[in-house]
Amino acid sequence: MNKFAVIEAGGKQYRVSAGQKIKIEKINAKEGADFVLDKVLLKSEGEKVEVGNPYLGGIKVEARVLKQGRGEKKIIFRYHSKTRYRKKKGHRQAFTEIEITKV
């Protein structure tokens, strides 16, 4: 049976199923801690599909924090020709890697 859900975390939407590992925007939780994602937009169990408006009430997705980290460095370079204007900046986005335990 194909069971999955579409959740919202950090302003982005993810299609998740039990046992899946994903990286989401940073949340304040310790590594190894369990938490609940309650912003569920869609839930599917085989042929039965429930769609929220915008969220489904009473349906939750349980997850476990695997690690907190920072992504690869992105380079931001601003340049104006003919005016000797150059600015170089770097950015590393913080993330939380989670494992979905129950849909």
C-alpha atoms as a PDB file:
ATOM      1  CA  MET A   1       0.000   0.000   0.000  1.00  0.00           C
ATOM      2  CA  ASN A   2       1.443   3.377  -1.068  1.00  0.00           C
ATOM      3  CA  LYS A   3       1.008   5.701   1.919  1.00  0.00           C
ATOM      4  CA  PHE A   4       2.368   9.265   1.780  1.00  0.00           C
ATOM      5  CA  ALA A   5       1.623  12.829   2.830  1.00  0.00           C
ATOM      6  CA  VAL A   6       2.455  16.330   1.634  1.00  0.00           C
ATOM      7  CA  ILE A   7       3.672  18.533   4.489  1.00  0.00           C
ATOM      8  CA  GLU A   8       4.677  22.165   4.796  1.00  0.00           C
ATOM      9  CA  ALA A   9       7.858  23.073   6.684  1.00  0.00           C
ATOM     10  CA  GLY A  10       9.733  26.355   6.488  1.00  0.00           C
ATOM     11  CA  GLY A  11       7.506  27.721   3.721  1.00  0.00           C
ATOM     12  CA  LYS A  12       8.233  24.771   1.421  1.00  0.00           C
ATOM     13  CA  GLN A  13       6.218  21.657   0.633  1.00  0.00           C
ATOM     14  CA  TYR A  14       7.567  18.100   0.786  1.00  0.00           C
ATOM     15  CA  ARG A  15       6.098  14.738  -0.272  1.00  0.00           C
ATOM     16  CA  VAL A  16       7.032  12.334   2.525  1.00  0.00           C
ATOM     17  CA  SER A  17       6.500   8.703   3.463  1.00  0.00           C
ATOM     18  CA  ALA A  18       7.621   6.627   6.461  1.00  0.00           C
ATOM     19  CA  GLY A  19      11.359   5.936   6.593  1.00  0.00           C
ATOM     20  CA  GLN A  20      12.272   8.816   4.276  1.00  0.00           C
ATOM     21  CA  LYS A  21      15.095  11.256   5.157  1.00  0.00           C
ATOM     22  CA  ILE A  22      14.785  14.908   4.083  1.00  0.00           C
ATOM     23  CA  LYS A  23      16.477  18.241   4.744  1.00  0.00           C
ATOM     24  CA  ILE A  24      14.161  21.063   5.823  1.00  0.00           C
ATOM     25  CA  GLU A  25      14.670  24.629   7.034  1.00  0.00           C
ATOM     26  CA  LYS A  26      16.283  24.797  10.473  1.00  0.00           C
ATOM     27  CA  ILE A  27      14.027  24.061  13.442  1.00  0.00           C
ATOM     28  CA  ASN A  28      14.918  24.379  17.119  1.00  0.00           C
ATOM     29  CA  ALA A  29      15.222  20.766  18.235  1.00  0.00           C
ATOM     30  CA  LYS A  30      18.099  18.680  19.553  1.00  0.00           C
ATOM     31  CA  GLU A  31      19.570  15.791  17.565  1.00  0.00           C
ATOM     32  CA  GLY A  32      17.696  12.560  18.292  1.00  0.00           C
ATOM     33  CA  ALA A  33      14.564  14.396  19.463  1.00  0.00           C
ATOM     34  CA  ASP A  34      11.118  13.417  18.178  1.00  0.00           C
ATOM     35  CA  PHE A  35       8.646  16.050  17.037  1.00  0.00           C
ATOM     36  CA  VAL A  36       5.353  16.379  15.170  1.00  0.00           C
ATOM     37  CA  LEU A  37       4.671  18.177  11.880  1.00  0.00           C
ATOM     38  CA  ASP A  38       1.026  19.253  11.942  1.00  0.00           C
ATOM     39  CA  LYS A  39       0.856  21.280   8.708  1.00  0.00           C
ATOM     40  CA  VAL A  40      -0.334  18.404   6.509  1.00  0.00           C
ATOM     41  CA  LEU A  41      -1.712  19.494   3.133  1.00  0.00           C
ATOM     42  CA  LEU A  42      -2.555  16.081   1.655  1.00  0.00           C
ATOM     43  CA  LYS A  43      -2.690  12.466   2.828  1.00  0.00           C
ATOM     44  CA  SER A  44      -2.909   9.416   0.596  1.00  0.00           C
ATOM     45  CA  GLU A  45      -3.449   5.751   1.468  1.00  0.00           C
ATOM     46  CA  GLY A  46      -3.686   3.774  -1.760  1.00  0.00           C
ATOM     47  CA  GLU A  47      -6.831   4.984  -3.570  1.00  0.00           C
ATOM     48  CA  LYS A  48      -8.063   7.088  -0.612  1.00  0.00           C
ATOM     49  CA  VAL A  49      -6.846  10.698  -0.867  1.00  0.00           C
ATOM     50  CA  GLU A  50      -7.638  13.510   1.586  1.00  0.00           C
ATOM     51  CA  VAL A  51      -6.911  17.119   0.613  1.00  0.00           C
ATOM     52  CA  GLY A  52      -6.861  19.970   3.138  1.00  0.00           C
ATOM     53  CA  ASN A  53      -8.129  23.504   2.800  1.00  0.00           C
ATOM     54  CA  PRO A  54      -5.310  24.528   3.364  1.00  0.00           C
ATOM     55  CA  TYR A  55      -4.435  21.976   6.093  1.00  0.00           C
ATOM     56  CA  LEU A  56      -5.959  18.700   7.255  1.00  0.00           C
ATOM     57  CA  GLY A  57      -7.199  18.856  10.841  1.00  0.00           C
ATOM     58  CA  GLY A  58      -6.209  16.132  13.292  1.00  0.00           C
ATOM     59  CA  ILE A  59      -3.628  14.526  10.994  1.00  0.00           C
ATOM     60  CA  LYS A  60       0.016  14.641  12.013  1.00  0.00           C
ATOM     61  CA  VAL A  61       3.343  13.379  10.694  1.00  0.00           C
ATOM     62  CA  GLU A  62       5.897  12.213  13.266  1.00  0.00           C
ATOM     63  CA  ALA A  63       9.621  12.732  12.654  1.00  0.00           C
ATOM     64  CA  ARG A  64      13.019  12.406  14.349  1.00  0.00           C
ATOM     65  CA  VAL A  65      15.878  14.909  14.065  1.00  0.00           C
ATOM     66  CA  LEU A  66      18.989  13.239  12.635  1.00  0.00           C
ATOM     67  CA  LYS A  67      21.304  16.244  12.497  1.00  0.00           C
ATOM     68  CA  GLN A  68      21.558  20.013  12.415  1.00  0.00           C
ATOM     69  CA  GLY A  69      23.907  21.454   9.814  1.00  0.00           C
ATOM     70  CA  ARG A  70      24.739  24.068   7.244  1.00  0.00           C
ATOM     71  CA  GLY A  71      24.647  23.622   3.483  1.00  0.00           C
ATOM     72  CA  GLU A  72      27.304  24.329   0.899  1.00  0.00           C
ATOM     73  CA  LYS A  73      28.578  27.869   0.534  1.00  0.00           C
ATOM     74  CA  LYS A  74      26.814  29.975  -2.095  1.00  0.00           C
ATOM     75  CA  ILE A  75      28.775  32.880  -3.555  1.00  0.00           C
ATOM     76  CA  ILE A  76      26.982  36.221  -4.038  1.00  0.00           C
ATOM     77  CA  PHE A  77      28.942  38.481  -6.388  1.00  0.00           C
ATOM     78  CA  ARG A  78      27.762  41.957  -7.358  1.00  0.00           C
ATOM     79  CA  TYR A  79      29.442  43.742 -10.222  1.00  0.00           C
ATOM     80  CA  HIS A  80      28.850  47.040 -11.997  1.00  0.00           C
ATOM     81  CA  SER A  81      30.819  47.502 -15.176  1.00  0.00           C
ATOM     82  CA  LYS A  82      32.766  50.711 -15.792  1.00  0.00           C
ATOM     83  CA  THR A  83      32.525  51.867 -12.140  1.00  0.00           C
ATOM     84  CA  ARG A  84      35.023  49.560 -10.369  1.00  0.00           C
ATOM     85  CA  TYR A  85      32.232  48.179  -8.184  1.00  0.00           C
ATOM     86  CA  ARG A  86      32.725  44.618  -6.976  1.00  0.00           C
ATOM     87  CA  LYS A  87      31.298  42.927  -3.889  1.00  0.00           C
ATOM     88  CA  LYS A  88      31.799  39.281  -2.990  1.00  0.00           C
ATOM     89  CA  LYS A  89      29.840  37.622  -0.208  1.00  0.00           C
ATOM     90  CA  GLY A  90      29.255  34.030   0.868  1.00  0.00           C
ATOM     91  CA  HIS A  91      26.234  32.372   2.503  1.00  0.00           C
ATOM     92  CA  ARG A  92      25.612  28.953   4.083  1.00  0.00           C
ATOM     93  CA  GLN A  93      21.969  28.086   4.740  1.00  0.00           C
ATOM     94  CA  ALA A  94      21.212  26.248   7.993  1.00  0.00           C
ATOM     95  CA  PHE A  95      19.165  23.047   7.717  1.00  0.00           C
ATOM     96  CA  THR A  96      17.767  20.220   9.816  1.00  0.00           C
ATOM     97  CA  GLU A  97      17.910  16.660   8.498  1.00  0.00           C
ATOM     98  CA  ILE A  98      14.917  14.617   9.650  1.00  0.00           C
ATOM     99  CA  GLU A  99      13.642  11.083   9.237  1.00  0.00           C
ATOM    100  CA  ILE A 100       9.896  10.514   8.916  1.00  0.00           C
ATOM    101  CA  THR A 101       8.855   7.841  11.410  1.00  0.00           C
ATOM    102  CA  LYS A 102       5.071   7.755  10.974  1.00  0.00           C
ATOM    103  CA  VAL A 103       2.553   9.208   8.524  1.00  0.00           C
END
